[in-house]
PDB file of N, CA and C in Angstrom:
ATOM      1  N   UNK A   1       8.543  12.372  13.424  1.00  0.00           N
ATOM      2  CA  UNK A   1       8.056  13.616  12.853  1.00  0.00           C
ATOM      3  C   UNK A   1       7.427  13.333  11.486  1.00  0.00           C
ATOM      4  N   UNK A   2       6.533  14.198  11.099  1.00  0.00           N
ATOM      5  CA  UNK A   2       5.790  13.982   9.872  1.00  0.00           C
ATOM      6  C   UNK A   2       6.699  14.020   8.645  1.00  0.00           C
ATOM      7  N   UNK A   3       7.710  14.860   8.666  1.00  0.00           N
ATOM      8  CA  UNK A   3       8.646  14.932   7.540  1.00  0.00           C
ATOM      9  C   UNK A   3       9.400  13.624   7.346  1.00  0.00           C
ATOM     10  N   UNK A   4       9.782  13.002   8.456  1.00  0.00           N
ATOM     11  CA  UNK A   4      10.496  11.727   8.398  1.00  0.00           C
ATOM     12  C   UNK A   4       9.586  10.628   7.856  1.00  0.00           C
ATOM     13  N   UNK A   5       8.330  10.597   8.305  1.00  0.00           N
ATOM     14  CA  UNK A   5       7.384   9.609   7.792  1.00  0.00           C
ATOM     15  C   UNK A   5       7.133   9.838   6.303  1.00  0.00           C
ATOM     16  N   UNK A   6       7.021  11.086   5.899  1.00  0.00           N
ATOM     17  CA  UNK A   6       6.835  11.405   4.482  1.00  0.00           C
ATOM     18  C   UNK A   6       8.020  10.897   3.659  1.00  0.00           C
ATOM     19  N   UNK A   7       9.214  11.127   4.151  1.00  0.00           N
ATOM     20  CA  UNK A   7      10.411  10.679   3.433  1.00  0.00           C
ATOM     21  C   UNK A   7      10.460   9.162   3.343  1.00  0.00           C
ATOM     22  N   UNK A   8      10.205   8.488   4.452  1.00  0.00           N
ATOM     23  CA  UNK A   8      10.312   7.021   4.482  1.00  0.00           C
ATOM     24  C   UNK A   8       9.205   6.324   3.704  1.00  0.00           C
ATOM     25  N   UNK A   9       8.024   6.937   3.641  1.00  0.00           N
ATOM     26  CA  UNK A   9       6.897   6.298   2.957  1.00  0.00           C
ATOM     27  C   UNK A   9       6.734   6.779   1.520  1.00  0.00           C
ATOM     28  N   UNK A  10       7.342   7.917   1.191  1.00  0.00           N
ATOM     29  CA  UNK A  10       7.173   8.480  -0.145  1.00  0.00           C
ATOM     30  C   UNK A  10       5.834   9.168  -0.337  1.00  0.00           C
ATOM     31  N   UNK A  11       5.163   9.500   0.754  1.00  0.00           N
ATOM     32  CA  UNK A  11       3.851  10.139   0.707  1.00  0.00           C
ATOM     33  C   UNK A  11       3.990  11.568   1.233  1.00  0.00           C
ATOM     34  N   UNK A  12       3.480  12.561   0.508  1.00  0.00           N
ATOM     35  CA  UNK A  12       3.612  13.954   0.954  1.00  0.00           C
ATOM     36  C   UNK A  12       2.979  14.196   2.331  1.00  0.00           C
ATOM     37  N   UNK A  13       3.548  15.134   3.063  1.00  0.00           N
ATOM     38  CA  UNK A  13       3.032  15.462   4.398  1.00  0.00           C
ATOM     39  C   UNK A  13       1.571  15.873   4.350  1.00  0.00           C
ATOM     40  N   UNK A  14       1.170  16.548   3.291  1.00  0.00           N
ATOM     41  CA  UNK A  14      -0.223  16.974   3.145  1.00  0.00           C
ATOM     42  C   UNK A  14      -1.165  15.774   3.208  1.00  0.00           C
ATOM     43  N   UNK A  15      -0.784  14.676   2.523  1.00  0.00           N
ATOM     44  CA  UNK A  15      -1.624  13.474   2.539  1.00  0.00           C
ATOM     45  C   UNK A  15      -1.591  12.795   3.901  1.00  0.00           C
ATOM     46  N   UNK A  16      -0.447  12.814   4.561  1.00  0.00           N
ATOM     47  CA  UNK A  16      -0.373  12.215   5.893  1.00  0.00           C
ATOM     48  C   UNK A  16      -1.310  12.935   6.855  1.00  0.00           C
ATOM     49  N   UNK A  17      -1.340  14.256   6.782  1.00  0.00           N
ATOM     50  CA  UNK A  17      -2.273  15.024   7.617  1.00  0.00           C
ATOM     51  C   UNK A  17      -3.719  14.661   7.275  1.00  0.00           C
ATOM     52  N   UNK A  18      -4.005  14.509   5.993  1.00  0.00           N
ATOM     53  CA  UNK A  18      -5.345  14.127   5.549  1.00  0.00           C
ATOM     54  C   UNK A  18      -5.724  12.746   6.093  1.00  0.00           C
ATOM     55  N   UNK A  19      -4.791  11.799   6.052  1.00  0.00           N
ATOM     56  CA  UNK A  19      -5.066  10.462   6.581  1.00  0.00           C
ATOM     57  C   UNK A  19      -5.408  10.539   8.067  1.00  0.00           C
ATOM     58  N   UNK A  20      -4.730  11.415   8.797  1.00  0.00           N
ATOM     59  CA  UNK A  20      -5.054  11.586  10.218  1.00  0.00           C
ATOM     60  C   UNK A  20      -6.453  12.169  10.385  1.00  0.00           C
ATOM     61  N   UNK A  21      -6.787  13.169   9.573  1.00  0.00           N
ATOM     62  CA  UNK A  21      -8.129  13.767   9.636  1.00  0.00           C
ATOM     63  C   UNK A  21      -9.211  12.727   9.377  1.00  0.00           C
ATOM     64  N   UNK A  22      -8.904  11.769   8.492  1.00  0.00           N
ATOM     65  CA  UNK A  22      -9.866  10.738   8.125  1.00  0.00           C
ATOM     66  C   UNK A  22      -9.912   9.584   9.132  1.00  0.00           C
ATOM     67  N   UNK A  23      -8.997   9.584  10.095  1.00  0.00           N
ATOM     68  CA  UNK A  23      -8.988   8.555  11.122  1.00  0.00           C
ATOM     69  C   UNK A  23      -8.348   7.244  10.687  1.00  0.00           C
ATOM     70  N   UNK A  24      -7.491   7.299   9.654  1.00  0.00           N
ATOM     71  CA  UNK A  24      -6.847   6.067   9.187  1.00  0.00           C
ATOM     72  C   UNK A  24      -5.354   6.038   9.513  1.00  0.00           C
ATOM     73  N   UNK A  25      -4.847   7.080  10.124  1.00  0.00           N
ATOM     74  CA  UNK A  25      -3.463   7.153  10.578  1.00  0.00           C
ATOM     75  C   UNK A  25      -3.468   7.932  11.878  1.00  0.00           C
ATOM     76  N   UNK A  26      -2.660   7.508  12.820  1.00  0.00           N
ATOM     77  CA  UNK A  26      -2.631   8.228  14.096  1.00  0.00           C
ATOM     78  C   UNK A  26      -1.204   8.577  14.471  1.00  0.00           C
ATOM     79  N   UNK A  27      -1.103   9.609  15.273  1.00  0.00           N
ATOM     80  CA  UNK A  27       0.194  10.050  15.778  1.00  0.00           C
ATOM     81  C   UNK A  27       0.005  10.533  17.204  1.00  0.00           C
ATOM     82  N   UNK A  28       1.112  10.679  17.888  1.00  0.00           N
ATOM     83  CA  UNK A  28       1.100  11.331  19.188  1.00  0.00           C
ATOM     84  C   UNK A  28       1.790  12.680  18.993  1.00  0.00           C
ATOM     85  N   UNK A  29       1.839  13.456  20.036  1.00  0.00           N
ATOM     86  CA  UNK A  29       2.507  14.761  19.951  1.00  0.00           C
ATOM     87  C   UNK A  29       3.676  14.812  20.909  1.00  0.00           C
ATOM     88  N   UNK A  30       4.814  15.287  20.402  1.00  0.00           N
ATOM     89  CA  UNK A  30       5.971  15.519  21.247  1.00  0.00           C
ATOM     90  C   UNK A  30       5.712  16.759  22.107  1.00  0.00           C
ATOM     91  N   UNK A  31       6.582  17.021  23.050  1.00  0.00           N
ATOM     92  CA  UNK A  31       6.442  18.182  23.930  1.00  0.00           C
ATOM     93  C   UNK A  31       6.418  19.484  23.133  1.00  0.00           C
ATOM     94  N   UNK A  32       7.107  19.493  21.991  1.00  0.00           N
ATOM     95  CA  UNK A  32       7.144  20.708  21.173  1.00  0.00           C
ATOM     96  C   UNK A  32       5.933  20.823  20.246  1.00  0.00           C
ATOM     97  N   UNK A  33       5.026  19.850  20.310  1.00  0.00           N
ATOM     98  CA  UNK A  33       3.822  19.891  19.500  1.00  0.00           C
ATOM     99  C   UNK A  33       3.938  19.192  18.162  1.00  0.00           C
ATOM    100  N   UNK A  34       5.125  18.727  17.810  1.00  0.00           N
ATOM    101  CA  UNK A  34       5.310  18.015  16.544  1.00  0.00           C
ATOM    102  C   UNK A  34       4.673  16.635  16.603  1.00  0.00           C
ATOM    103  N   UNK A  35       4.195  16.172  15.456  1.00  0.00           N
ATOM    104  CA  UNK A  35       3.630  14.827  15.369  1.00  0.00           C
ATOM    105  C   UNK A  35       4.746  13.800  15.519  1.00  0.00           C
ATOM    106  N   UNK A  36       4.434  12.726  16.231  1.00  0.00           N
ATOM    107  CA  UNK A  36       5.374  11.614  16.387  1.00  0.00           C
ATOM    108  C   UNK A  36       4.657  10.343  15.946  1.00  0.00           C
ATOM    109  N   UNK A  37       5.358   9.541  15.150  1.00  0.00           N
ATOM    110  CA  UNK A  37       4.782   8.313  14.607  1.00  0.00           C
ATOM    111  C   UNK A  37       5.601   7.123  15.071  1.00  0.00           C
ATOM    112  N   UNK A  38       4.923   5.999  15.279  1.00  0.00           N
ATOM    113  CA  UNK A  38       5.602   4.766  15.647  1.00  0.00           C
ATOM    114  C   UNK A  38       6.232   4.111  14.433  1.00  0.00           C
ATOM    115  N   UNK A  39       7.050   3.097  14.693  1.00  0.00           N
ATOM    116  CA  UNK A  39       7.737   2.375  13.611  1.00  0.00           C
ATOM    117  C   UNK A  39       6.761   1.755  12.618  1.00  0.00           C
ATOM    118  N   UNK A  40       5.614   1.313  13.080  1.00  0.00           N
ATOM    119  CA  UNK A  40       4.659   0.650  12.191  1.00  0.00           C
ATOM    120  C   UNK A  40       3.935   1.626  11.266  1.00  0.00           C
ATOM    121  N   UNK A  41       4.145   2.915  11.460  1.00  0.00           N
ATOM    122  CA  UNK A  41       3.435   3.911  10.653  1.00  0.00           C
ATOM    123  C   UNK A  41       3.790   3.837   9.172  1.00  0.00           C
ATOM    124  N   UNK A  42       5.033   3.518   8.846  1.00  0.00           N
ATOM    125  CA  UNK A  42       5.420   3.411   7.430  1.00  0.00           C
ATOM    126  C   UNK A  42       4.612   2.301   6.774  1.00  0.00           C
ATOM    127  N   UNK A  43       4.554   1.136   7.433  1.00  0.00           N
ATOM    128  CA  UNK A  43       3.765   0.032   6.885  1.00  0.00           C
ATOM    129  C   UNK A  43       2.293   0.405   6.764  1.00  0.00           C
ATOM    130  N   UNK A  44       1.773   1.125   7.758  1.00  0.00           N
ATOM    131  CA  UNK A  44       0.366   1.540   7.725  1.00  0.00           C
ATOM    132  C   UNK A  44       0.112   2.460   6.535  1.00  0.00           C
ATOM    133  N   UNK A  45       0.994   3.414   6.304  1.00  0.00           N
ATOM    134  CA  UNK A  45       0.826   4.338   5.182  1.00  0.00           C
ATOM    135  C   UNK A  45       0.876   3.582   3.855  1.00  0.00           C
ATOM    136  N   UNK A  46       1.802   2.655   3.725  1.00  0.00           N
ATOM    137  CA  UNK A  46       1.894   1.876   2.489  1.00  0.00           C
ATOM    138  C   UNK A  46       0.643   1.029   2.288  1.00  0.00           C
ATOM    139  N   UNK A  47       0.106   0.484   3.366  1.00  0.00           N
ATOM    140  CA  UNK A  47      -1.137  -0.291   3.276  1.00  0.00           C
ATOM    141  C   UNK A  47      -2.289   0.616   2.847  1.00  0.00           C
ATOM    142  N   UNK A  48      -2.370   1.790   3.413  1.00  0.00           N
ATOM    143  CA  UNK A  48      -3.414   2.753   3.030  1.00  0.00           C
ATOM    144  C   UNK A  48      -3.305   3.076   1.548  1.00  0.00           C
ATOM    145  N   UNK A  49      -2.086   3.330   1.068  1.00  0.00           N
ATOM    146  CA  UNK A  49      -1.882   3.647  -0.353  1.00  0.00           C
ATOM    147  C   UNK A  49      -2.351   2.495  -1.235  1.00  0.00           C
ATOM    148  N   UNK A  50      -2.037   1.255  -0.841  1.00  0.00           N
ATOM    149  CA  UNK A  50      -2.462   0.102  -1.626  1.00  0.00           C
ATOM    150  C   UNK A  50      -3.988   0.001  -1.670  1.00  0.00           C
ATOM    151  N   UNK A  51      -4.631   0.223  -0.529  1.00  0.00           N
ATOM    152  CA  UNK A  51      -6.096   0.197  -0.507  1.00  0.00           C
ATOM    153  C   UNK A  51      -6.668   1.290  -1.407  1.00  0.00           C
ATOM    154  N   UNK A  52      -6.103   2.490  -1.335  1.00  0.00           N
ATOM    155  CA  UNK A  52      -6.594   3.589  -2.167  1.00  0.00           C
ATOM    156  C   UNK A  52      -6.432   3.276  -3.653  1.00  0.00           C
ATOM    157  N   UNK A  53      -5.336   2.616  -4.011  1.00  0.00           N
ATOM    158  CA  UNK A  53      -5.097   2.276  -5.413  1.00  0.00           C
ATOM    159  C   UNK A  53      -6.093   1.257  -5.952  1.00  0.00           C
ATOM    160  N   UNK A  54      -6.747   0.498  -5.063  1.00  0.00           N
ATOM    161  CA  UNK A  54      -7.768  -0.443  -5.519  1.00  0.00           C
ATOM    162  C   UNK A  54      -9.120   0.241  -5.678  1.00  0.00           C
ATOM    163  N   UNK A  55      -9.188   1.518  -5.350  1.00  0.00           N
ATOM    164  CA  UNK A  55     -10.431   2.260  -5.507  1.00  0.00           C
ATOM    165  C   UNK A  55     -11.240   2.407  -4.232  1.00  0.00           C
ATOM    166  N   UNK A  56     -10.702   1.969  -3.115  1.00  0.00           N
ATOM    167  CA  UNK A  56     -11.428   2.096  -1.854  1.00  0.00           C
ATOM    168  C   UNK A  56     -11.406   3.541  -1.376  1.00  0.00           C
ATOM    169  N   UNK A  57     -12.452   3.922  -0.682  1.00  0.00           N
ATOM    170  CA  UNK A  57     -12.508   5.259  -0.091  1.00  0.00           C
ATOM    171  C   UNK A  57     -11.858   5.221   1.278  1.00  0.00           C
ATOM    172  N   UNK A  58     -11.543   6.398   1.809  1.00  0.00           N
ATOM    173  CA  UNK A  58     -10.956   6.441   3.144  1.00  0.00           C
ATOM    174  C   UNK A  58     -11.957   5.951   4.189  1.00  0.00           C
ATOM    175  N   UNK A  59     -13.244   6.112   3.943  1.00  0.00           N
ATOM    176  CA  UNK A  59     -14.253   5.599   4.883  1.00  0.00           C
ATOM    177  C   UNK A  59     -14.203   4.081   4.952  1.00  0.00           C
ATOM    178  N   UNK A  60     -14.106   3.429   3.798  1.00  0.00           N
ATOM    179  CA  UNK A  60     -14.020   1.969   3.774  1.00  0.00           C
ATOM    180  C   UNK A  60     -12.724   1.520   4.424  1.00  0.00           C
ATOM    181  N   UNK A  61     -11.631   2.219   4.114  1.00  0.00           N
ATOM    182  CA  UNK A  61     -10.335   1.862   4.687  1.00  0.00           C
ATOM    183  C   UNK A  61     -10.381   1.966   6.209  1.00  0.00           C
ATOM    184  N   UNK A  62     -11.010   3.024   6.724  1.00  0.00           N
ATOM    185  CA  UNK A  62     -11.119   3.201   8.172  1.00  0.00           C
ATOM    186  C   UNK A  62     -11.850   2.011   8.799  1.00  0.00           C
ATOM    187  N   UNK A  63     -12.871   1.518   8.105  1.00  0.00           N
ATOM    188  CA  UNK A  63     -13.615   0.361   8.613  1.00  0.00           C
ATOM    189  C   UNK A  63     -12.823  -0.936   8.478  1.00  0.00           C
ATOM    190  N   UNK A  64     -11.983  -1.027   7.438  1.00  0.00           N
ATOM    191  CA  UNK A  64     -11.255  -2.262   7.162  1.00  0.00           C
ATOM    192  C   UNK A  64      -9.960  -2.408   7.950  1.00  0.00           C
ATOM    193  N   UNK A  65      -9.308  -1.328   8.315  1.00  0.00           N
ATOM    194  CA  UNK A  65      -7.997  -1.417   8.958  1.00  0.00           C
ATOM    195  C   UNK A  65      -7.991  -2.320  10.193  1.00  0.00           C
ATOM    196  N   UNK A  66      -8.989  -2.246  11.058  1.00  0.00           N
ATOM    197  CA  UNK A  66      -8.968  -3.182  12.186  1.00  0.00           C
ATOM    198  C   UNK A  66      -9.002  -4.642  11.720  1.00  0.00           C
ATOM    199  N   UNK A  67      -9.654  -4.902  10.601  1.00  0.00           N
ATOM    200  CA  UNK A  67      -9.728  -6.268  10.073  1.00  0.00           C
ATOM    201  C   UNK A  67      -8.368  -6.755   9.602  1.00  0.00           C
ATOM    202  N   UNK A  68      -7.541  -5.845   9.128  1.00  0.00           N
ATOM    203  CA  UNK A  68      -6.218  -6.250   8.654  1.00  0.00           C
ATOM    204  C   UNK A  68      -5.283  -6.525   9.815  1.00  0.00           C
ATOM    205  N   UNK A  69      -5.723  -6.244  11.015  1.00  0.00           N
ATOM    206  CA  UNK A  69      -4.918  -6.481  12.207  1.00  0.00           C
ATOM    207  C   UNK A  69      -5.422  -7.684  12.991  1.00  0.00           C
ATOM    208  N   UNK A  70      -6.166  -8.578  12.303  1.00  0.00           N
ATOM    209  CA  UNK A  70      -6.596  -9.801  12.946  1.00  0.00           C
ATOM    210  C   UNK A  70      -8.018  -9.773  13.473  1.00  0.00           C
ATOM    211  N   UNK A  71      -8.773  -8.724  13.207  1.00  0.00           N
ATOM    212  CA  UNK A  71     -10.167  -8.681  13.631  1.00  0.00           C
ATOM    213  C   UNK A  71     -10.987  -9.506  12.652  1.00  0.00           C
ATOM    214  N   UNK A  72     -12.318  -9.492  12.749  1.00  0.00           N
ATOM    215  CA  UNK A  72     -13.145 -10.300  11.836  1.00  0.00           C
ATOM    216  C   UNK A  72     -12.860  -9.994  10.375  1.00  0.00           C
ATOM    217  N   UNK A  73     -13.289 -10.896   9.516  1.00  0.00           N
ATOM    218  CA  UNK A  73     -13.041 -10.769   8.071  1.00  0.00           C
ATOM    219  C   UNK A  73     -13.446  -9.395   7.555  1.00  0.00           C
ATOM    220  N   UNK A  74     -12.656  -8.838   6.621  1.00  0.00           N
ATOM    221  CA  UNK A  74     -13.003  -7.523   6.055  1.00  0.00           C
ATOM    222  C   UNK A  74     -14.229  -7.607   5.165  1.00  0.00           C
ATOM    223  N   UNK A  75     -14.816  -6.468   4.926  1.00  0.00           N
ATOM    224  CA  UNK A  75     -15.947  -6.398   4.001  1.00  0.00           C
ATOM    225  C   UNK A  75     -15.486  -6.871   2.635  1.00  0.00           C
ATOM    226  N   UNK A  76     -16.355  -7.557   1.895  1.00  0.00           N
ATOM    227  CA  UNK A  76     -15.950  -8.134   0.607  1.00  0.00           C
ATOM    228  C   UNK A  76     -16.258  -7.218  -0.560  1.00  0.00           C
ATOM    229  N   UNK A  77     -16.695  -6.015  -0.289  1.00  0.00           N
ATOM    230  CA  UNK A  77     -17.091  -5.093  -1.349  1.00  0.00           C
ATOM    231  C   UNK A  77     -16.005  -4.907  -2.394  1.00  0.00           C
ATOM    232  N   UNK A  78     -14.748  -4.793  -1.986  1.00  0.00           N
ATOM    233  CA  UNK A  78     -13.647  -4.563  -2.930  1.00  0.00           C
ATOM    234  C   UNK A  78     -12.711  -5.750  -3.049  1.00  0.00           C
ATOM    235  N   UNK A  79     -13.094  -6.869  -2.473  1.00  0.00           N
ATOM    236  CA  UNK A  79     -12.222  -8.040  -2.491  1.00  0.00           C
ATOM    237  C   UNK A  79     -11.947  -8.524  -3.908  1.00  0.00           C
ATOM    238  N   UNK A  80     -12.945  -8.489  -4.772  1.00  0.00           N
ATOM    239  CA  UNK A  80     -12.758  -8.922  -6.156  1.00  0.00           C
ATOM    240  C   UNK A  80     -11.703  -8.067  -6.845  1.00  0.00           C
ATOM    241  N   UNK A  81     -11.724  -6.773  -6.601  1.00  0.00           N
ATOM    242  CA  UNK A  81     -10.736  -5.871  -7.189  1.00  0.00           C
ATOM    243  C   UNK A  81      -9.337  -6.229  -6.710  1.00  0.00           C
ATOM    244  N   UNK A  82      -9.183  -6.474  -5.429  1.00  0.00           N
ATOM    245  CA  UNK A  82      -7.885  -6.825  -4.876  1.00  0.00           C
ATOM    246  C   UNK A  82      -7.402  -8.146  -5.464  1.00  0.00           C
ATOM    247  N   UNK A  83      -8.287  -9.133  -5.563  1.00  0.00           N
ATOM    248  CA  UNK A  83      -7.901 -10.430  -6.130  1.00  0.00           C
ATOM    249  C   UNK A  83      -7.489 -10.292  -7.594  1.00  0.00           C
ATOM    250  N   UNK A  84      -8.221  -9.485  -8.352  1.00  0.00           N
ATOM    251  CA  UNK A  84      -7.890  -9.271  -9.760  1.00  0.00           C
ATOM    252  C   UNK A  84      -6.524  -8.604  -9.894  1.00  0.00           C
ATOM    253  N   UNK A  85      -6.261  -7.617  -9.067  1.00  0.00           N
ATOM    254  CA  UNK A  85      -4.965  -6.939  -9.117  1.00  0.00           C
ATOM    255  C   UNK A  85      -3.841  -7.881  -8.722  1.00  0.00           C
ATOM    256  N   UNK A  86      -4.093  -8.735  -7.742  1.00  0.00           N
ATOM    257  CA  UNK A  86      -3.096  -9.704  -7.317  1.00  0.00           C
ATOM    258  C   UNK A  86      -2.757 -10.656  -8.455  1.00  0.00           C
ATOM    259  N   UNK A  87      -3.787 -11.132  -9.144  1.00  0.00           N
ATOM    260  CA  UNK A  87      -3.564 -12.033 -10.279  1.00  0.00           C
ATOM    261  C   UNK A  87      -2.797 -11.335 -11.394  1.00  0.00           C
ATOM    262  N   UNK A  88      -3.141 -10.076 -11.649  1.00  0.00           N
ATOM    263  CA  UNK A  88      -2.447  -9.310 -12.679  1.00  0.00           C
ATOM    264  C   UNK A  88      -0.980  -9.114 -12.305  1.00  0.00           C
ATOM    265  N   UNK A  89      -0.731  -8.780 -11.051  1.00  0.00           N
ATOM    266  CA  UNK A  89       0.657  -8.612 -10.608  1.00  0.00           C
ATOM    267  C   UNK A  89       1.438  -9.916 -10.742  1.00  0.00           C
ATOM    268  N   UNK A  90       0.819 -11.034 -10.420  1.00  0.00           N
ATOM    269  CA  UNK A  90       1.497 -12.329 -10.550  1.00  0.00           C
ATOM    270  C   UNK A  90       1.814 -12.627 -12.012  1.00  0.00           C
ATOM    271  N   UNK A  91       0.860 -12.340 -12.911  1.00  0.00           N
ATOM    272  CA  UNK A  91       1.115 -12.546 -14.347  1.00  0.00           C
ATOM    273  C   UNK A  91       2.245 -11.645 -14.827  1.00  0.00           C
ATOM    274  N   UNK A  92       2.241 -10.403 -14.387  1.00  0.00           N
ATOM    275  CA  UNK A  92       3.300  -9.469 -14.776  1.00  0.00           C
ATOM    276  C   UNK A  92       4.653  -9.927 -14.248  1.00  0.00           C
ATOM    277  N   UNK A  93       4.682 -10.414 -13.000  1.00  0.00           N
ATOM    278  CA  UNK A  93       5.921 -10.931 -12.430  1.00  0.00           C
ATOM    279  C   UNK A  93       6.444 -12.098 -13.256  1.00  0.00           C
ATOM    280  N   UNK A  94       5.552 -13.007 -13.637  1.00  0.00           N
ATOM    281  CA  UNK A  94       5.957 -14.166 -14.431  1.00  0.00           C
ATOM    282  C   UNK A  94       6.472 -13.750 -15.808  1.00  0.00           C
ATOM    283  N   UNK A  95       5.818 -12.764 -16.414  1.00  0.00           N
ATOM    284  CA  UNK A  95       6.250 -12.294 -17.728  1.00  0.00           C
ATOM    285  C   UNK A  95       7.630 -11.636 -17.642  1.00  0.00           C
ATOM    286  N   UNK A  96       7.837 -10.839 -16.610  1.00  0.00           N
ATOM    287  CA  UNK A  96       9.137 -10.190 -16.432  1.00  0.00           C
ATOM    288  C   UNK A  96      10.219 -11.229 -16.180  1.00  0.00           C
ATOM    289  N   UNK A  97       9.913 -12.203 -15.358  1.00  0.00           N
ATOM    290  CA  UNK A  97      10.870 -13.279 -15.079  1.00  0.00           C
ATOM    291  C   UNK A  97      11.226 -14.032 -16.348  1.00  0.00           C
ATOM    292  N   UNK A  98      10.233 -14.345 -17.166  1.00  0.00           N
ATOM    293  CA  UNK A  98      10.461 -15.040 -18.421  1.00  0.00           C
ATOM    294  C   UNK A  98      11.320 -14.196 -19.358  1.00  0.00           C
ATOM    295  N   UNK A  99      11.019 -12.921 -19.420  1.00  0.00           N
ATOM    296  CA  UNK A  99      11.782 -12.017 -20.273  1.00  0.00           C
ATOM    297  C   UNK A  99      13.244 -11.957 -19.823  1.00  0.00           C
ATOM    298  N   UNK A 100      13.455 -11.799 -18.520  1.00  0.00           N
ATOM    299  CA  UNK A 100      14.827 -11.712 -18.007  1.00  0.00           C
ATOM    300  C   UNK A 100      15.598 -13.001 -18.271  1.00  0.00           C
ATOM    301  N   UNK A 101      14.934 -14.119 -18.130  1.00  0.00           N
ATOM    302  CA  UNK A 101      15.579 -15.399 -18.437  1.00  0.00           C
ATOM    303  C   UNK A 101      15.971 -15.450 -19.905  1.00  0.00           C
ATOM    304  N   UNK A 102      15.082 -14.978 -20.770  1.00  0.00           N
ATOM    305  CA  UNK A 102      15.350 -14.960 -22.205  1.00  0.00           C
ATOM    306  C   UNK A 102      16.534 -14.056 -22.528  1.00  0.00           C
ATOM    307  N   UNK A 103      16.569 -12.888 -21.938  1.00  0.00           N
ATOM    308  CA  UNK A 103      17.659 -11.947 -22.178  1.00  0.00           C
ATOM    309  C   UNK A 103      18.979 -12.524 -21.673  1.00  0.00           C
ATOM    310  N   UNK A 104      18.944 -13.149 -20.504  1.00  0.00           N
ATOM    311  CA  UNK A 104      20.163 -13.710 -19.930  1.00  0.00           C
ATOM    312  C   UNK A 104      20.726 -14.861 -20.755  1.00  0.00           C
ATOM    313  N   UNK A 105      19.864 -15.589 -21.464  1.00  0.00           N
ATOM    314  CA  UNK A 105      20.349 -16.703 -22.278  1.00  0.00           C
ATOM    315  C   UNK A 105      20.754 -16.253 -23.671  1.00  0.00           C
ATOM    316  N   UNK A 106      20.584 -14.978 -23.971  1.00  0.00           N
ATOM    317  CA  UNK A 106      21.042 -14.439 -25.252  1.00  0.00           C
ATOM    318  C   UNK A 106      20.025 -14.484 -26.365  1.00  0.00           C
ATOM    319  N   UNK A 107      18.853 -15.025 -26.108  1.00  0.00           N
ATOM    320  CA  UNK A 107      17.816 -15.002 -27.142  1.00  0.00           C
ATOM    321  C   UNK A 107      17.154 -13.633 -27.143  1.00  0.00           C
ATOM    322  N   UNK A 108      16.712 -13.204 -28.304  1.00  0.00           N
ATOM    323  CA  UNK A 108      16.067 -11.901 -28.389  1.00  0.00           C
ATOM    324  C   UNK A 108      14.596 -11.969 -28.040  1.00  0.00           C
ATOM    325  N   UNK A 109      13.954 -13.108 -28.294  1.00  0.00           N
ATOM    326  CA  UNK A 109      12.543 -13.264 -27.973  1.00  0.00           C
ATOM    327  C   UNK A 109      12.293 -14.702 -27.539  1.00  0.00           C
ATOM    328  N   UNK A 110      11.422 -14.860 -26.541  1.00  0.00           N
ATOM    329  CA  UNK A 110      11.072 -16.220 -26.154  1.00  0.00           C
ATOM    330  C   UNK A 110      10.340 -16.913 -27.300  1.00  0.00           C
ATOM    331  N   UNK A 111      10.480 -18.226 -27.368  1.00  0.00           N
ATOM    332  CA  UNK A 111       9.763 -18.967 -28.409  1.00  0.00           C
ATOM    333  C   UNK A 111       8.270 -18.755 -28.226  1.00  0.00           C
ATOM    334  N   UNK A 112       7.570 -18.656 -29.337  1.00  0.00           N
ATOM    335  CA  UNK A 112       6.130 -18.447 -29.292  1.00  0.00           C
ATOM    336  C   UNK A 112       5.727 -16.990 -29.357  1.00  0.00           C
ATOM    337  N   UNK A 113       6.704 -16.064 -29.344  1.00  0.00           N
ATOM    338  CA  UNK A 113       6.351 -14.651 -29.427  1.00  0.00           C
ATOM    339  C   UNK A 113       6.256 -14.225 -30.849  1.00  0.00           C
TER     340      UNK A 113
END
């Protein structure tokens, strides 16, 4: 049901309906008419959210989703943005790790700060 997918993905039902309208999320219908989603739907919604956060439109995402499932290489229009964000996340992870190590050893600041 759409409420369950909303709860598990952290995405409001309104957006899930919008994703279906845009052709980037699909559901089946139960006998009572309620939307039914497969187990992979949570991962799909999270992937859609990540693509949207890089600035991609739902039209681009609709074209790219088959590529993320093993089809030909995705369009490179936003690849630079994704790579930059990946590098930034890795730097942030390293900084947090360094900070936690520093805190755990009792120092207030890492050397060089």
